[in-house]
N, C-alpha and C. Protein backbone atom coordinates (compact mmCIF):
# COMPACT_ATOMS: atom_id res chain seq x y z
N MET A 1 38.30 -14.92 -16.49
CA MET A 1 39.34 -13.94 -16.23
C MET A 1 39.88 -13.40 -17.55
N VAL A 2 40.11 -12.09 -17.56
CA VAL A 2 40.69 -11.41 -18.71
C VAL A 2 42.14 -11.08 -18.36
N PRO A 3 43.06 -11.40 -19.27
CA PRO A 3 44.46 -11.06 -18.99
C PRO A 3 44.63 -9.56 -18.79
N GLU A 4 45.56 -9.14 -17.96
CA GLU A 4 45.80 -7.72 -17.67
C GLU A 4 46.08 -6.92 -18.94
N SER A 5 46.74 -7.53 -19.92
CA SER A 5 47.08 -6.82 -21.16
C SER A 5 45.83 -6.45 -21.95
N LEU A 6 44.73 -7.17 -21.74
CA LEU A 6 43.48 -6.89 -22.44
C LEU A 6 42.47 -6.12 -21.59
N ALA A 7 42.69 -6.05 -20.32
CA ALA A 7 41.73 -5.44 -19.40
C ALA A 7 41.52 -3.96 -19.68
N SER A 8 42.53 -3.25 -20.18
CA SER A 8 42.38 -1.82 -20.41
C SER A 8 41.78 -1.50 -21.78
N LEU A 9 41.60 -2.50 -22.61
CA LEU A 9 41.01 -2.27 -23.93
C LEU A 9 39.50 -2.13 -23.83
N PRO A 10 38.89 -1.41 -24.76
CA PRO A 10 37.42 -1.28 -24.73
C PRO A 10 36.74 -2.64 -24.92
N MET A 11 35.54 -2.76 -24.38
CA MET A 11 34.81 -4.02 -24.48
C MET A 11 34.26 -4.26 -25.88
N PHE A 12 34.04 -3.18 -26.65
CA PHE A 12 33.45 -3.30 -27.98
C PHE A 12 34.39 -2.69 -29.00
N ALA A 13 34.30 -3.17 -30.21
CA ALA A 13 35.11 -2.63 -31.30
C ALA A 13 34.56 -1.28 -31.72
N GLU A 14 35.44 -0.40 -32.16
CA GLU A 14 35.02 0.91 -32.64
C GLU A 14 34.33 0.76 -33.99
N LEU A 15 33.25 1.49 -34.17
CA LEU A 15 32.50 1.46 -35.43
C LEU A 15 33.18 2.38 -36.42
N MET A 16 33.49 1.84 -37.60
CA MET A 16 34.11 2.62 -38.67
C MET A 16 33.18 2.55 -39.87
N VAL A 17 32.81 3.71 -40.41
CA VAL A 17 31.95 3.78 -41.59
C VAL A 17 32.76 4.38 -42.70
N GLU A 18 32.90 3.64 -43.78
CA GLU A 18 33.64 4.14 -44.93
C GLU A 18 32.64 4.44 -46.03
N SER A 19 32.28 5.70 -46.13
CA SER A 19 31.30 6.12 -47.13
C SER A 19 31.61 7.55 -47.51
N ASP A 20 31.56 7.82 -48.80
CA ASP A 20 31.77 9.17 -49.28
C ASP A 20 30.41 9.84 -49.32
N ILE A 21 30.23 10.88 -48.53
CA ILE A 21 28.93 11.55 -48.44
C ILE A 21 28.48 12.09 -49.79
N ALA A 22 29.43 12.42 -50.66
CA ALA A 22 29.09 12.99 -51.96
C ALA A 22 28.42 11.95 -52.88
N THR A 23 28.62 10.67 -52.61
CA THR A 23 28.02 9.64 -53.46
C THR A 23 26.59 9.29 -53.05
N VAL A 24 26.18 9.76 -51.90
CA VAL A 24 24.83 9.47 -51.43
C VAL A 24 23.89 10.53 -52.03
N PRO A 25 22.85 10.10 -52.77
CA PRO A 25 21.96 11.09 -53.36
C PRO A 25 21.18 11.85 -52.29
N PRO A 26 20.92 13.13 -52.54
CA PRO A 26 20.15 13.89 -51.55
C PRO A 26 18.73 13.36 -51.46
N PRO A 27 18.12 13.49 -50.31
CA PRO A 27 16.74 12.99 -50.19
C PRO A 27 15.81 13.77 -51.11
N ARG A 28 14.86 13.07 -51.67
CA ARG A 28 13.91 13.69 -52.59
C ARG A 28 12.84 14.41 -51.77
N VAL A 29 12.65 15.65 -52.11
CA VAL A 29 11.62 16.44 -51.44
C VAL A 29 10.29 16.18 -52.15
N LEU A 30 9.34 15.69 -51.42
CA LEU A 30 8.05 15.40 -52.00
C LEU A 30 7.18 16.65 -51.98
N SER A 31 6.60 16.95 -53.13
CA SER A 31 5.72 18.11 -53.17
C SER A 31 4.31 17.69 -52.76
N GLU A 32 3.55 18.65 -52.34
CA GLU A 32 2.20 18.37 -51.89
C GLU A 32 1.16 18.77 -52.93
N VAL A 33 1.58 19.58 -53.94
CA VAL A 33 0.68 20.02 -54.99
C VAL A 33 1.34 19.70 -56.32
N GLU A 34 0.58 19.12 -57.23
CA GLU A 34 1.09 18.81 -58.56
C GLU A 34 0.06 19.29 -59.58
N ILE A 35 0.48 20.18 -60.48
CA ILE A 35 -0.40 20.72 -61.51
C ILE A 35 0.17 20.32 -62.86
N VAL A 36 -0.66 19.73 -63.71
CA VAL A 36 -0.22 19.31 -65.03
C VAL A 36 -0.86 20.24 -66.06
N VAL A 37 0.01 20.87 -66.88
CA VAL A 37 -0.44 21.74 -67.96
C VAL A 37 0.19 21.18 -69.23
N GLY A 38 -0.61 20.44 -70.02
CA GLY A 38 -0.05 19.78 -71.21
C GLY A 38 0.97 18.74 -70.80
N ASP A 39 2.20 18.90 -71.32
CA ASP A 39 3.28 17.96 -70.97
C ASP A 39 4.13 18.46 -69.81
N VAL A 40 3.76 19.59 -69.24
CA VAL A 40 4.54 20.20 -68.17
C VAL A 40 3.90 19.87 -66.82
N VAL A 41 4.74 19.48 -65.87
CA VAL A 41 4.27 19.18 -64.51
C VAL A 41 4.88 20.23 -63.58
N ILE A 42 4.03 20.90 -62.82
CA ILE A 42 4.45 21.91 -61.85
C ILE A 42 4.25 21.32 -60.47
N ARG A 43 5.32 21.23 -59.70
CA ARG A 43 5.23 20.69 -58.34
C ARG A 43 5.57 21.81 -57.37
N ALA A 44 4.78 21.93 -56.33
CA ALA A 44 5.01 22.96 -55.32
C ALA A 44 4.53 22.45 -53.97
N SER A 45 5.04 23.06 -52.94
CA SER A 45 4.56 22.69 -51.60
C SER A 45 3.16 23.27 -51.41
N ALA A 46 2.43 22.71 -50.51
CA ALA A 46 1.07 23.18 -50.26
C ALA A 46 1.07 24.61 -49.77
N GLY A 47 2.19 25.08 -49.26
CA GLY A 47 2.28 26.44 -48.75
C GLY A 47 2.60 27.48 -49.81
N ALA A 48 2.74 27.06 -51.08
CA ALA A 48 3.05 28.02 -52.15
C ALA A 48 1.89 28.99 -52.30
N ASP A 49 2.24 30.26 -52.46
CA ASP A 49 1.18 31.26 -52.54
C ASP A 49 0.58 31.34 -53.95
N GLU A 50 -0.57 31.97 -54.04
CA GLU A 50 -1.33 32.06 -55.29
C GLU A 50 -0.54 32.77 -56.39
N VAL A 51 0.18 33.81 -56.03
CA VAL A 51 0.96 34.57 -57.02
C VAL A 51 2.02 33.67 -57.66
N HIS A 52 2.72 32.91 -56.85
CA HIS A 52 3.78 32.02 -57.35
C HIS A 52 3.19 30.95 -58.28
N LEU A 53 2.10 30.33 -57.84
CA LEU A 53 1.47 29.29 -58.66
C LEU A 53 0.93 29.87 -59.97
N THR A 54 0.33 31.04 -59.92
CA THR A 54 -0.20 31.69 -61.13
C THR A 54 0.92 31.95 -62.13
N ARG A 55 2.04 32.47 -61.65
CA ARG A 55 3.20 32.72 -62.53
C ARG A 55 3.72 31.43 -63.14
N ALA A 56 3.79 30.37 -62.34
CA ALA A 56 4.28 29.09 -62.84
C ALA A 56 3.36 28.52 -63.91
N ILE A 57 2.05 28.61 -63.72
CA ILE A 57 1.09 28.11 -64.70
C ILE A 57 1.16 28.94 -65.98
N ARG A 58 1.26 30.25 -65.85
CA ARG A 58 1.37 31.11 -67.04
C ARG A 58 2.65 30.82 -67.81
N ALA A 59 3.73 30.60 -67.11
CA ALA A 59 5.00 30.27 -67.77
C ALA A 59 4.91 28.94 -68.50
N ALA A 60 4.24 27.96 -67.88
CA ALA A 60 4.06 26.66 -68.53
C ALA A 60 3.22 26.78 -69.78
N ARG A 61 2.15 27.54 -69.71
CA ARG A 61 1.28 27.74 -70.88
C ARG A 61 2.03 28.47 -71.99
N ALA A 62 2.82 29.50 -71.63
CA ALA A 62 3.57 30.26 -72.63
C ALA A 62 4.64 29.37 -73.29
N ALA A 63 5.22 28.46 -72.54
CA ALA A 63 6.23 27.57 -73.10
C ALA A 63 5.64 26.58 -74.09
N MET A 64 4.36 26.29 -73.93
CA MET A 64 3.69 25.33 -74.82
C MET A 64 3.26 25.97 -76.13
N SER A 65 3.11 27.29 -76.17
CA SER A 65 2.60 27.93 -77.39
C SER A 65 3.71 28.47 -78.26
């Protein structure tokens, strides 16, 4: 038997989470393509178009010279 004073209370305790969302690091986005030009690493999704990748490679090469 549960006393009447407790009968109206919930059966389970309320879940309380104390966490500052700003302190949680954002999830790392994994790239599907990785191109290494000298010491420079270019990461892009597999859906990156040829024009974008060509520009990125040219920029990496120009930065090295």
